[in-house]
Each structure stands twice: as C-alpha cells, then as structure tokens.
Full PDB file with SEQRES, HELIX, SHEET, SSBOND, CRYST1, ORIGX, SCALE, CONECT and MASTER records, all heavy atoms in Angstrom:
SEQRES   1 A   37  LYS THR VAL PHE LEU GLN MET ASN SER LEU LYS ALA GLU          
SEQRES   2 A   37  ASP THR ALA VAL TYR TYR CYS ASN ALA ALA ARG VAL SER          
SEQRES   3 A   37  ARG HIS TYR TRP GLY GLN GLY THR GLN VAL THR                  
HELIX    1 AA1 ALA A   12  ASP A   14  5                                   3    
SHEET    1 AA1 2 ALA A  16  TYR A  18  0                                        
SHEET    2 AA1 2 THR A  34  VAL A  36 -1                                        
SHEET    1 AA2 2 ASN A  21  ALA A  23  0                                        
SHEET    2 AA2 2 HIS A  28  TRP A  30 -1                                        
CRYST1    1.000    1.000    1.000  90.00  90.00  90.00 P 1           1          
ORIGX1      1.000000  0.000000  0.000000        0.00000                         
ORIGX2      0.000000  1.000000  0.000000        0.00000                         
ORIGX3      0.000000  0.000000  1.000000        0.00000                         
SCALE1      1.000000  0.000000  0.000000        0.00000                         
SCALE2      0.000000  1.000000  0.000000        0.00000                         
SCALE3      0.000000  0.000000  1.000000        0.00000                         
ATOM      1  N   LYS A   1      11.282  -9.291   6.914  1.00  0.00           N  
ATOM      2  CA  LYS A   1      11.332  -8.528   5.659  1.00  0.00           C  
ATOM      3  C   LYS A   1       9.937  -8.066   5.274  1.00  0.00           C  
ATOM      4  O   LYS A   1       9.527  -8.178   4.105  1.00  0.00           O  
ATOM      5  CB  LYS A   1      11.975  -9.358   4.544  1.00  0.00           C  
ATOM      6  CG  LYS A   1      13.430  -9.737   4.825  1.00  0.00           C  
ATOM      7  CD  LYS A   1      14.075 -10.479   3.673  1.00  0.00           C  
ATOM      8  CE  LYS A   1      13.552 -11.880   3.535  1.00  0.00           C  
ATOM      9  NZ  LYS A   1      14.274 -12.638   2.484  1.00  0.00           N  
ATOM     10  N   THR A   2       9.203  -7.565   6.238  1.00  0.00           N  
ATOM     11  CA  THR A   2       7.808  -7.209   6.032  1.00  0.00           C  
ATOM     12  C   THR A   2       7.533  -5.804   6.550  1.00  0.00           C  
ATOM     13  O   THR A   2       8.013  -5.426   7.631  1.00  0.00           O  
ATOM     14  CB  THR A   2       6.884  -8.221   6.726  1.00  0.00           C  
ATOM     15  OG1 THR A   2       7.124  -9.524   6.177  1.00  0.00           O  
ATOM     16  CG2 THR A   2       5.421  -7.859   6.528  1.00  0.00           C  
ATOM     17  N   VAL A   3       6.745  -5.068   5.779  1.00  0.00           N  
ATOM     18  CA  VAL A   3       6.268  -3.744   6.165  1.00  0.00           C  
ATOM     19  C   VAL A   3       4.760  -3.830   6.345  1.00  0.00           C  
ATOM     20  O   VAL A   3       4.080  -4.505   5.563  1.00  0.00           O  
ATOM     21  CB  VAL A   3       6.635  -2.699   5.103  1.00  0.00           C  
ATOM     22  CG1 VAL A   3       6.046  -1.342   5.459  1.00  0.00           C  
ATOM     23  CG2 VAL A   3       8.147  -2.593   4.963  1.00  0.00           C  
ATOM     24  N   PHE A   4       4.269  -3.153   7.370  1.00  0.00           N  
ATOM     25  CA  PHE A   4       2.853  -3.203   7.688  1.00  0.00           C  
ATOM     26  C   PHE A   4       2.224  -1.815   7.579  1.00  0.00           C  
ATOM     27  O   PHE A   4       2.900  -0.798   7.718  1.00  0.00           O  
ATOM     28  CB  PHE A   4       2.647  -3.711   9.119  1.00  0.00           C  
ATOM     29  CG  PHE A   4       3.264  -5.042   9.395  1.00  0.00           C  
ATOM     30  CD1 PHE A   4       4.504  -5.130  10.010  1.00  0.00           C  
ATOM     31  CD2 PHE A   4       2.611  -6.207   9.036  1.00  0.00           C  
ATOM     32  CE1 PHE A   4       5.083  -6.366  10.271  1.00  0.00           C  
ATOM     33  CE2 PHE A   4       3.177  -7.443   9.299  1.00  0.00           C  
ATOM     34  CZ  PHE A   4       4.419  -7.523   9.905  1.00  0.00           C  
ATOM     35  N   LEU A   5       0.912  -1.812   7.361  1.00  0.00           N  
ATOM     36  CA  LEU A   5       0.137  -0.585   7.439  1.00  0.00           C  
ATOM     37  C   LEU A   5      -1.097  -0.882   8.281  1.00  0.00           C  
ATOM     38  O   LEU A   5      -1.987  -1.596   7.831  1.00  0.00           O  
ATOM     39  CB  LEU A   5      -0.266  -0.075   6.060  1.00  0.00           C  
ATOM     40  CG  LEU A   5      -1.006   1.260   6.066  1.00  0.00           C  
ATOM     41  CD1 LEU A   5      -0.069   2.392   6.507  1.00  0.00           C  
ATOM     42  CD2 LEU A   5      -1.585   1.570   4.686  1.00  0.00           C  
ATOM     43  N   GLN A   6      -1.102  -0.362   9.500  1.00  0.00           N  
ATOM     44  CA  GLN A   6      -2.266  -0.493  10.356  1.00  0.00           C  
ATOM     45  C   GLN A   6      -3.205   0.661  10.071  1.00  0.00           C  
ATOM     46  O   GLN A   6      -2.807   1.827  10.188  1.00  0.00           O  
ATOM     47  CB  GLN A   6      -1.842  -0.469  11.836  1.00  0.00           C  
ATOM     48  CG  GLN A   6      -3.000  -0.558  12.808  1.00  0.00           C  
ATOM     49  CD  GLN A   6      -3.722  -1.892  12.753  1.00  0.00           C  
ATOM     50  OE1 GLN A   6      -3.098  -2.946  12.699  1.00  0.00           O  
ATOM     51  NE2 GLN A   6      -5.054  -1.852  12.773  1.00  0.00           N  
ATOM     52  N   MET A   7      -4.426   0.329   9.688  1.00  0.00           N  
ATOM     53  CA  MET A   7      -5.404   1.341   9.304  1.00  0.00           C  
ATOM     54  C   MET A   7      -6.580   1.283  10.274  1.00  0.00           C  
ATOM     55  O   MET A   7      -7.272   0.264  10.343  1.00  0.00           O  
ATOM     56  CB  MET A   7      -5.877   1.095   7.870  1.00  0.00           C  
ATOM     57  CG  MET A   7      -4.741   1.040   6.861  1.00  0.00           C  
ATOM     58  SD  MET A   7      -5.316   0.907   5.152  1.00  0.00           S  
ATOM     59  CE  MET A   7      -6.084  -0.710   5.181  1.00  0.00           C  
ATOM     60  N   ASN A   8      -6.777   2.357  11.018  1.00  0.00           N  
ATOM     61  CA  ASN A   8      -7.876   2.453  11.973  1.00  0.00           C  
ATOM     62  C   ASN A   8      -8.838   3.565  11.553  1.00  0.00           C  
ATOM     63  O   ASN A   8      -8.495   4.406  10.724  1.00  0.00           O  
ATOM     64  CB  ASN A   8      -7.329   2.750  13.369  1.00  0.00           C  
ATOM     65  CG  ASN A   8      -6.412   1.658  13.886  1.00  0.00           C  
ATOM     66  OD1 ASN A   8      -6.586   0.485  13.568  1.00  0.00           O  
ATOM     67  ND2 ASN A   8      -5.425   2.037  14.688  1.00  0.00           N  
ATOM     68  N   SER A   9     -10.019   3.541  12.134  1.00  0.00           N  
ATOM     69  CA  SER A   9     -11.031   4.569  11.860  1.00  0.00           C  
ATOM     70  C   SER A   9     -11.215   4.774  10.364  1.00  0.00           C  
ATOM     71  O   SER A   9     -11.237   5.898   9.867  1.00  0.00           O  
ATOM     72  CB  SER A   9     -10.638   5.893  12.528  1.00  0.00           C  
ATOM     73  OG  SER A   9     -10.469   5.736  13.921  1.00  0.00           O  
ATOM     74  N   LEU A  10     -11.367   3.676   9.663  1.00  0.00           N  
ATOM     75  CA  LEU A  10     -11.459   3.743   8.204  1.00  0.00           C  
ATOM     76  C   LEU A  10     -12.711   4.471   7.746  1.00  0.00           C  
ATOM     77  O   LEU A  10     -13.785   4.390   8.383  1.00  0.00           O  
ATOM     78  CB  LEU A  10     -11.410   2.335   7.613  1.00  0.00           C  
ATOM     79  CG  LEU A  10      -9.997   1.732   7.578  1.00  0.00           C  
ATOM     80  CD1 LEU A  10     -10.062   0.213   7.455  1.00  0.00           C  
ATOM     81  CD2 LEU A  10      -9.198   2.329   6.432  1.00  0.00           C  
ATOM     82  N   LYS A  11     -12.546   5.182   6.633  1.00  0.00           N  
ATOM     83  CA  LYS A  11     -13.632   5.969   6.046  1.00  0.00           C  
ATOM     84  C   LYS A  11     -13.894   5.475   4.625  1.00  0.00           C  
ATOM     85  O   LYS A  11     -13.029   4.851   4.006  1.00  0.00           O  
ATOM     86  CB  LYS A  11     -13.241   7.444   5.999  1.00  0.00           C  
ATOM     87  CG  LYS A  11     -12.817   8.029   7.328  1.00  0.00           C  
ATOM     88  CD  LYS A  11     -12.332   9.462   7.145  1.00  0.00           C  
ATOM     89  CE  LYS A  11     -11.882  10.074   8.464  1.00  0.00           C  
ATOM     90  NZ  LYS A  11     -11.394  11.471   8.286  1.00  0.00           N  
ATOM     91  N   ALA A  12     -15.063   5.807   4.113  1.00  0.00           N  
ATOM     92  CA  ALA A  12     -15.408   5.407   2.745  1.00  0.00           C  
ATOM     93  C   ALA A  12     -14.369   5.915   1.744  1.00  0.00           C  
ATOM     94  O   ALA A  12     -14.040   5.222   0.768  1.00  0.00           O  
ATOM     95  CB  ALA A  12     -16.791   5.932   2.387  1.00  0.00           C  
ATOM     96  N   GLU A  13     -13.835   7.086   2.000  1.00  0.00           N  
ATOM     97  CA  GLU A  13     -12.849   7.661   1.077  1.00  0.00           C  
ATOM     98  C   GLU A  13     -11.491   6.974   1.129  1.00  0.00           C  
ATOM     99  O   GLU A  13     -10.600   7.305   0.345  1.00  0.00           O  
ATOM    100  CB  GLU A  13     -12.686   9.167   1.325  1.00  0.00           C  
ATOM    101  CG  GLU A  13     -12.431   9.545   2.762  1.00  0.00           C  
ATOM    102  CD  GLU A  13     -13.715   9.962   3.479  1.00  0.00           C  
ATOM    103  OE1 GLU A  13     -14.761   9.282   3.309  1.00  0.00           O  
ATOM    104  OE2 GLU A  13     -13.658  10.946   4.235  1.00  0.00           O  
ATOM    105  N   ASP A  14     -11.310   6.031   2.030  1.00  0.00           N  
ATOM    106  CA  ASP A  14     -10.094   5.227   2.050  1.00  0.00           C  
ATOM    107  C   ASP A  14     -10.179   4.050   1.074  1.00  0.00           C  
ATOM    108  O   ASP A  14      -9.190   3.333   0.877  1.00  0.00           O  
ATOM    109  CB  ASP A  14      -9.828   4.681   3.453  1.00  0.00           C  
ATOM    110  CG  ASP A  14      -9.522   5.777   4.462  1.00  0.00           C  
ATOM    111  OD1 ASP A  14      -8.777   6.710   4.120  1.00  0.00           O  
ATOM    112  OD2 ASP A  14     -10.053   5.688   5.582  1.00  0.00           O  
ATOM    113  N   THR A  15     -11.329   3.853   0.480  1.00  0.00           N  
ATOM    114  CA  THR A  15     -11.510   2.774  -0.481  1.00  0.00           C  
ATOM    115  C   THR A  15     -10.585   2.963  -1.680  1.00  0.00           C  
ATOM    116  O   THR A  15     -10.588   4.024  -2.314  1.00  0.00           O  
ATOM    117  CB  THR A  15     -12.966   2.712  -0.956  1.00  0.00           C  
ATOM    118  OG1 THR A  15     -13.803   2.368   0.160  1.00  0.00           O  
ATOM    119  CG2 THR A  15     -13.142   1.689  -2.070  1.00  0.00           C  
ATOM    120  N   ALA A  16      -9.770   1.956  -1.963  1.00  0.00           N  
ATOM    121  CA  ALA A  16      -8.796   2.042  -3.046  1.00  0.00           C  
ATOM    122  C   ALA A  16      -8.046   0.719  -3.150  1.00  0.00           C  
ATOM    123  O   ALA A  16      -8.186  -0.152  -2.279  1.00  0.00           O  
ATOM    124  CB  ALA A  16      -7.792   3.164  -2.776  1.00  0.00           C  
ATOM    125  N   VAL A  17      -7.261   0.601  -4.206  1.00  0.00           N  
ATOM    126  CA  VAL A  17      -6.269  -0.463  -4.271  1.00  0.00           C  
ATOM    127  C   VAL A  17      -4.995   0.071  -3.625  1.00  0.00           C  
ATOM    128  O   VAL A  17      -4.514   1.140  -4.000  1.00  0.00           O  
ATOM    129  CB  VAL A  17      -5.993  -0.914  -5.713  1.00  0.00           C  
ATOM    130  CG1 VAL A  17      -4.924  -1.999  -5.732  1.00  0.00           C  
ATOM    131  CG2 VAL A  17      -7.269  -1.413  -6.370  1.00  0.00           C  
ATOM    132  N   TYR A  18      -4.481  -0.676  -2.673  1.00  0.00           N  
ATOM    133  CA  TYR A  18      -3.283  -0.273  -1.946  1.00  0.00           C  
ATOM    134  C   TYR A  18      -2.076  -1.046  -2.480  1.00  0.00           C  
ATOM    135  O   TYR A  18      -2.115  -2.272  -2.579  1.00  0.00           O  
ATOM    136  CB  TYR A  18      -3.464  -0.521  -0.450  1.00  0.00           C  
ATOM    137  CG  TYR A  18      -4.349   0.519   0.202  1.00  0.00           C  
ATOM    138  CD1 TYR A  18      -5.716   0.541  -0.063  1.00  0.00           C  
ATOM    139  CD2 TYR A  18      -3.832   1.465   1.068  1.00  0.00           C  
ATOM    140  CE1 TYR A  18      -6.544   1.505   0.508  1.00  0.00           C  
ATOM    141  CE2 TYR A  18      -4.647   2.427   1.659  1.00  0.00           C  
ATOM    142  CZ  TYR A  18      -5.992   2.440   1.372  1.00  0.00           C  
ATOM    143  OH  TYR A  18      -6.794   3.397   1.952  1.00  0.00           O  
ATOM    144  N   TYR A  19      -1.033  -0.302  -2.796  1.00  0.00           N  
ATOM    145  CA  TYR A  19       0.172  -0.885  -3.381  1.00  0.00           C  
ATOM    146  C   TYR A  19       1.366  -0.688  -2.451  1.00  0.00           C  
ATOM    147  O   TYR A  19       1.585   0.410  -1.929  1.00  0.00           O  
ATOM    148  CB  TYR A  19       0.501  -0.219  -4.706  1.00  0.00           C  
ATOM    149  CG  TYR A  19      -0.521  -0.432  -5.788  1.00  0.00           C  
ATOM    150  CD1 TYR A  19      -1.566   0.466  -5.980  1.00  0.00           C  
ATOM    151  CD2 TYR A  19      -0.439  -1.542  -6.640  1.00  0.00           C  
ATOM    152  CE1 TYR A  19      -2.504   0.276  -6.975  1.00  0.00           C  
ATOM    153  CE2 TYR A  19      -1.379  -1.731  -7.643  1.00  0.00           C  
ATOM    154  CZ  TYR A  19      -2.404  -0.822  -7.807  1.00  0.00           C  
ATOM    155  OH  TYR A  19      -3.338  -1.028  -8.795  1.00  0.00           O  
ATOM    156  N   CYS A  20       2.131  -1.740  -2.303  1.00  0.00           N  
ATOM    157  CA  CYS A  20       3.401  -1.657  -1.597  1.00  0.00           C  
ATOM    158  C   CYS A  20       4.462  -1.152  -2.577  1.00  0.00           C  
ATOM    159  O   CYS A  20       4.466  -1.540  -3.749  1.00  0.00           O  
ATOM    160  CB  CYS A  20       3.785  -3.028  -1.062  1.00  0.00           C  
ATOM    161  SG  CYS A  20       5.336  -3.057  -0.133  1.00  0.00           S  
ATOM    162  N   ASN A  21       5.349  -0.309  -2.088  1.00  0.00           N  
ATOM    163  CA  ASN A  21       6.419   0.244  -2.910  1.00  0.00           C  
ATOM    164  C   ASN A  21       7.745   0.140  -2.176  1.00  0.00           C  
ATOM    165  O   ASN A  21       7.810   0.345  -0.968  1.00  0.00           O  
ATOM    166  CB  ASN A  21       6.132   1.708  -3.226  1.00  0.00           C  
ATOM    167  CG  ASN A  21       7.281   2.380  -3.935  1.00  0.00           C  
ATOM    168  OD1 ASN A  21       8.181   2.947  -3.307  1.00  0.00           O  
ATOM    169  ND2 ASN A  21       7.261   2.325  -5.249  1.00  0.00           N  
ATOM    170  N   ALA A  22       8.781  -0.205  -2.932  1.00  0.00           N  
ATOM    171  CA  ALA A  22      10.145  -0.215  -2.391  1.00  0.00           C  
ATOM    172  C   ALA A  22      11.025   0.568  -3.355  1.00  0.00           C  
ATOM    173  O   ALA A  22      10.970   0.327  -4.562  1.00  0.00           O  
ATOM    174  CB  ALA A  22      10.646  -1.646  -2.235  1.00  0.00           C  
ATOM    175  N   ALA A  23      11.798   1.489  -2.817  1.00  0.00           N  
ATOM    176  CA  ALA A  23      12.556   2.399  -3.672  1.00  0.00           C  
ATOM    177  C   ALA A  23      14.052   2.338  -3.388  1.00  0.00           C  
ATOM    178  O   ALA A  23      14.473   2.337  -2.223  1.00  0.00           O  
ATOM    179  CB  ALA A  23      12.056   3.819  -3.484  1.00  0.00           C  
ATOM    180  N   ARG A  24      14.794   2.289  -4.469  1.00  0.00           N  
ATOM    181  CA  ARG A  24      16.236   2.497  -4.409  1.00  0.00           C  
ATOM    182  C   ARG A  24      16.526   3.754  -5.208  1.00  0.00           C  
ATOM    183  O   ARG A  24      15.632   4.323  -5.816  1.00  0.00           O  
ATOM    184  CB  ARG A  24      16.976   1.285  -4.994  1.00  0.00           C  
ATOM    185  CG  ARG A  24      16.846   0.046  -4.115  1.00  0.00           C  
ATOM    186  CD  ARG A  24      17.517  -1.155  -4.710  1.00  0.00           C  
ATOM    187  NE  ARG A  24      17.492  -2.268  -3.771  1.00  0.00           N  
ATOM    188  CZ  ARG A  24      17.422  -3.531  -4.131  1.00  0.00           C  
ATOM    189  NH1 ARG A  24      17.374  -3.867  -5.407  1.00  0.00           N  
ATOM    190  NH2 ARG A  24      17.409  -4.491  -3.214  1.00  0.00           N  
ATOM    191  N   VAL A  25      17.772   4.180  -5.226  1.00  0.00           N  
ATOM    192  CA  VAL A  25      18.125   5.433  -5.902  1.00  0.00           C  
ATOM    193  C   VAL A  25      17.663   5.415  -7.353  1.00  0.00           C  
ATOM    194  O   VAL A  25      17.153   6.398  -7.882  1.00  0.00           O  
ATOM    195  CB  VAL A  25      19.637   5.683  -5.811  1.00  0.00           C  
ATOM    196  CG1 VAL A  25      20.024   6.884  -6.664  1.00  0.00           C  
ATOM    197  CG2 VAL A  25      20.043   5.891  -4.362  1.00  0.00           C  
ATOM    198  N   SER A  26      17.834   4.273  -8.005  1.00  0.00           N  
ATOM    199  CA  SER A  26      17.605   4.231  -9.448  1.00  0.00           C  
ATOM    200  C   SER A  26      16.320   3.537  -9.870  1.00  0.00           C  
ATOM    201  O   SER A  26      16.022   3.489 -11.051  1.00  0.00           O  
ATOM    202  CB  SER A  26      18.781   3.527 -10.121  1.00  0.00           C  
ATOM    203  OG  SER A  26      18.919   2.219  -9.608  1.00  0.00           O  
ATOM    204  N   ARG A  27      15.570   3.017  -8.903  1.00  0.00           N  
ATOM    205  CA  ARG A  27      14.415   2.225  -9.335  1.00  0.00           C  
ATOM    206  C   ARG A  27      13.381   2.093  -8.218  1.00  0.00           C  
ATOM    207  O   ARG A  27      13.720   2.057  -7.049  1.00  0.00           O  
ATOM    208  CB  ARG A  27      14.882   0.831  -9.761  1.00  0.00           C  
ATOM    209  CG  ARG A  27      13.775  -0.005 -10.369  1.00  0.00           C  
ATOM    210  CD  ARG A  27      14.325  -1.223 -11.090  1.00  0.00           C  
ATOM    211  NE  ARG A  27      13.237  -2.025 -11.620  1.00  0.00           N  
ATOM    212  CZ  ARG A  27      13.407  -3.145 -12.304  1.00  0.00           C  
ATOM    213  NH1 ARG A  27      14.611  -3.599 -12.540  1.00  0.00           N  
ATOM    214  NH2 ARG A  27      12.364  -3.807 -12.738  1.00  0.00           N  
ATOM    215  N   HIS A  28      12.097   1.995  -8.682  1.00  0.00           N  
ATOM    216  CA  HIS A  28      10.991   1.696  -7.786  1.00  0.00           C  
ATOM    217  C   HIS A  28      10.452   0.314  -8.115  1.00  0.00           C  
ATOM    218  O   HIS A  28      10.376  -0.070  -9.278  1.00  0.00           O  
ATOM    219  CB  HIS A  28       9.862   2.724  -7.955  1.00  0.00           C  
ATOM    220  CG  HIS A  28      10.138   4.036  -7.295  1.00  0.00           C  
ATOM    221  ND1 HIS A  28       9.486   4.446  -6.148  1.00  0.00           N  
ATOM    222  CD2 HIS A  28      11.004   5.021  -7.598  1.00  0.00           C  
ATOM    223  CE1 HIS A  28       9.921   5.628  -5.792  1.00  0.00           C  
ATOM    224  NE2 HIS A  28      10.856   6.008  -6.657  1.00  0.00           N  
ATOM    225  N   TYR A  29      10.027  -0.386  -7.073  1.00  0.00           N  
ATOM    226  CA  TYR A  29       9.400  -1.693  -7.242  1.00  0.00           C  
ATOM    227  C   TYR A  29       7.997  -1.628  -6.653  1.00  0.00           C  
ATOM    228  O   TYR A  29       7.781  -0.970  -5.633  1.00  0.00           O  
ATOM    229  CB  TYR A  29      10.212  -2.785  -6.538  1.00  0.00           C  
ATOM    230  CG  TYR A  29      11.640  -2.883  -7.000  1.00  0.00           C  
ATOM    231  CD1 TYR A  29      12.642  -2.148  -6.380  1.00  0.00           C  
ATOM    232  CD2 TYR A  29      11.991  -3.704  -8.070  1.00  0.00           C  
ATOM    233  CE1 TYR A  29      13.956  -2.215  -6.804  1.00  0.00           C  
ATOM    234  CE2 TYR A  29      13.307  -3.794  -8.500  1.00  0.00           C  
ATOM    235  CZ  TYR A  29      14.281  -3.037  -7.862  1.00  0.00           C  
ATOM    236  OH  TYR A  29      15.583  -3.111  -8.284  1.00  0.00           O  
ATOM    237  N   TRP A  30       7.056  -2.365  -7.288  1.00  0.00           N  
ATOM    238  CA  TRP A  30       5.663  -2.321  -6.851  1.00  0.00           C  
ATOM    239  C   TRP A  30       5.129  -3.717  -6.632  1.00  0.00           C  
ATOM    240  O   TRP A  30       5.471  -4.650  -7.368  1.00  0.00           O  
ATOM    241  CB  TRP A  30       4.800  -1.631  -7.905  1.00  0.00           C  
ATOM    242  CG  TRP A  30       5.135  -0.185  -8.091  1.00  0.00           C  
ATOM    243  CD1 TRP A  30       5.992   0.349  -9.004  1.00  0.00           C  
ATOM    244  CD2 TRP A  30       4.615   0.911  -7.335  1.00  0.00           C  
ATOM    245  NE1 TRP A  30       6.040   1.707  -8.857  1.00  0.00           N  
ATOM    246  CE2 TRP A  30       5.211   2.095  -7.844  1.00  0.00           C  
ATOM    247  CE3 TRP A  30       3.720   1.017  -6.278  1.00  0.00           C  
ATOM    248  CZ2 TRP A  30       4.920   3.363  -7.334  1.00  0.00           C  
ATOM    249  CZ3 TRP A  30       3.431   2.277  -5.770  1.00  0.00           C  
ATOM    250  CH2 TRP A  30       4.026   3.430  -6.295  1.00  0.00           C  
ATOM    251  N   GLY A  31       4.247  -3.850  -5.655  1.00  0.00           N  
ATOM    252  CA  GLY A  31       3.502  -5.077  -5.490  1.00  0.00           C  
ATOM    253  C   GLY A  31       2.317  -5.094  -6.421  1.00  0.00           C  
ATOM    254  O   GLY A  31       2.089  -4.153  -7.189  1.00  0.00           O  
ATOM    255  N   GLN A  32       1.534  -6.179  -6.332  1.00  0.00           N  
ATOM    256  CA  GLN A  32       0.402  -6.347  -7.254  1.00  0.00           C  
ATOM    257  C   GLN A  32      -0.824  -5.575  -6.801  1.00  0.00           C  
ATOM    258  O   GLN A  32      -1.771  -5.394  -7.582  1.00  0.00           O  
ATOM    259  CB  GLN A  32       0.068  -7.843  -7.395  1.00  0.00           C  
ATOM    260  CG  GLN A  32      -0.772  -8.431  -6.256  1.00  0.00           C  
ATOM    261  CD  GLN A  32       0.021  -8.694  -4.988  1.00  0.00           C  
ATOM    262  OE1 GLN A  32       1.231  -8.462  -4.926  1.00  0.00           O  
ATOM    263  NE2 GLN A  32      -0.667  -9.191  -3.961  1.00  0.00           N  
ATOM    264  N   GLY A  33      -0.834  -5.131  -5.569  1.00  0.00           N  
ATOM    265  CA  GLY A  33      -1.960  -4.365  -5.045  1.00  0.00           C  
ATOM    266  C   GLY A  33      -2.950  -5.233  -4.288  1.00  0.00           C  
ATOM    267  O   GLY A  33      -3.123  -6.415  -4.602  1.00  0.00           O  
ATOM    268  N   THR A  34      -3.592  -4.626  -3.295  1.00  0.00           N  
ATOM    269  CA  THR A  34      -4.642  -5.308  -2.548  1.00  0.00           C  
ATOM    270  C   THR A  34      -5.804  -4.339  -2.359  1.00  0.00           C  
ATOM    271  O   THR A  34      -5.605  -3.170  -2.031  1.00  0.00           O  
ATOM    272  CB  THR A  34      -4.112  -5.834  -1.190  1.00  0.00           C  
ATOM    273  OG1 THR A  34      -5.134  -6.589  -0.532  1.00  0.00           O  
ATOM    274  CG2 THR A  34      -3.650  -4.715  -0.268  1.00  0.00           C  
ATOM    275  N   GLN A  35      -7.010  -4.842  -2.596  1.00  0.00           N  
ATOM    276  CA  GLN A  35      -8.193  -3.992  -2.559  1.00  0.00           C  
ATOM    277  C   GLN A  35      -8.652  -3.776  -1.123  1.00  0.00           C  
ATOM    278  O   GLN A  35      -8.791  -4.738  -0.353  1.00  0.00           O  
ATOM    279  CB  GLN A  35      -9.332  -4.622  -3.358  1.00  0.00           C  
ATOM    280  CG  GLN A  35     -10.641  -3.855  -3.325  1.00  0.00           C  
ATOM    281  CD  GLN A  35     -10.577  -2.549  -4.096  1.00  0.00           C  
ATOM    282  OE1 GLN A  35     -10.087  -2.495  -5.224  1.00  0.00           O  
ATOM    283  NE2 GLN A  35     -11.086  -1.474  -3.492  1.00  0.00           N  
ATOM    284  N   VAL A  36      -8.905  -2.528  -0.782  1.00  0.00           N  
ATOM    285  CA  VAL A  36      -9.523  -2.166   0.493  1.00  0.00           C  
ATOM    286  C   VAL A  36     -10.829  -1.445   0.172  1.00  0.00           C  
ATOM    287  O   VAL A  36     -10.831  -0.445  -0.538  1.00  0.00           O  
ATOM    288  CB  VAL A  36      -8.607  -1.259   1.325  1.00  0.00           C  
ATOM    289  CG1 VAL A  36      -9.354  -0.723   2.557  1.00  0.00           C  
ATOM    290  CG2 VAL A  36      -7.361  -2.015   1.750  1.00  0.00           C  
ATOM    291  N   THR A  37     -11.920  -1.977   0.689  1.00  0.00           N  
ATOM    292  CA  THR A  37     -13.236  -1.387   0.475  1.00  0.00           C  
ATOM    293  C   THR A  37     -13.864  -1.072   1.823  1.00  0.00           C  
ATOM    294  O   THR A  37     -14.003  -1.974   2.667  1.00  0.00           O  
ATOM    295  CB  THR A  37     -14.150  -2.321  -0.319  1.00  0.00           C  
ATOM    296  OG1 THR A  37     -13.540  -2.631  -1.584  1.00  0.00           O  
ATOM    297  CG2 THR A  37     -15.505  -1.679  -0.571  1.00  0.00           C  
TER     298      THR A  37                                                      
MASTER        0    0    0    1    4    0    0    6  297    1    0    3          
END                                                                             
C-alpha cells in the first residue's frame, strides 16, 4: 500500500515540501509532507 517517487538528477529548484495525495471522486487526502532540500 505504498507509492514511491524516485527523484534523480535533482536540481536546486526541486527544493520544496513534497506531499503525498490520494484522490477519490468526492475527496482528496493529504500526507503531512516531507522536506526535500
């Protein structure tokens, strides 16, 4: 029950808080976020 994001060749402009999202027809769910610098 896990989704991954493999990030290669990272750039300074990729710096952000990354949030996981899960969507159903009527609702979106969000994770707490993880910082990528």
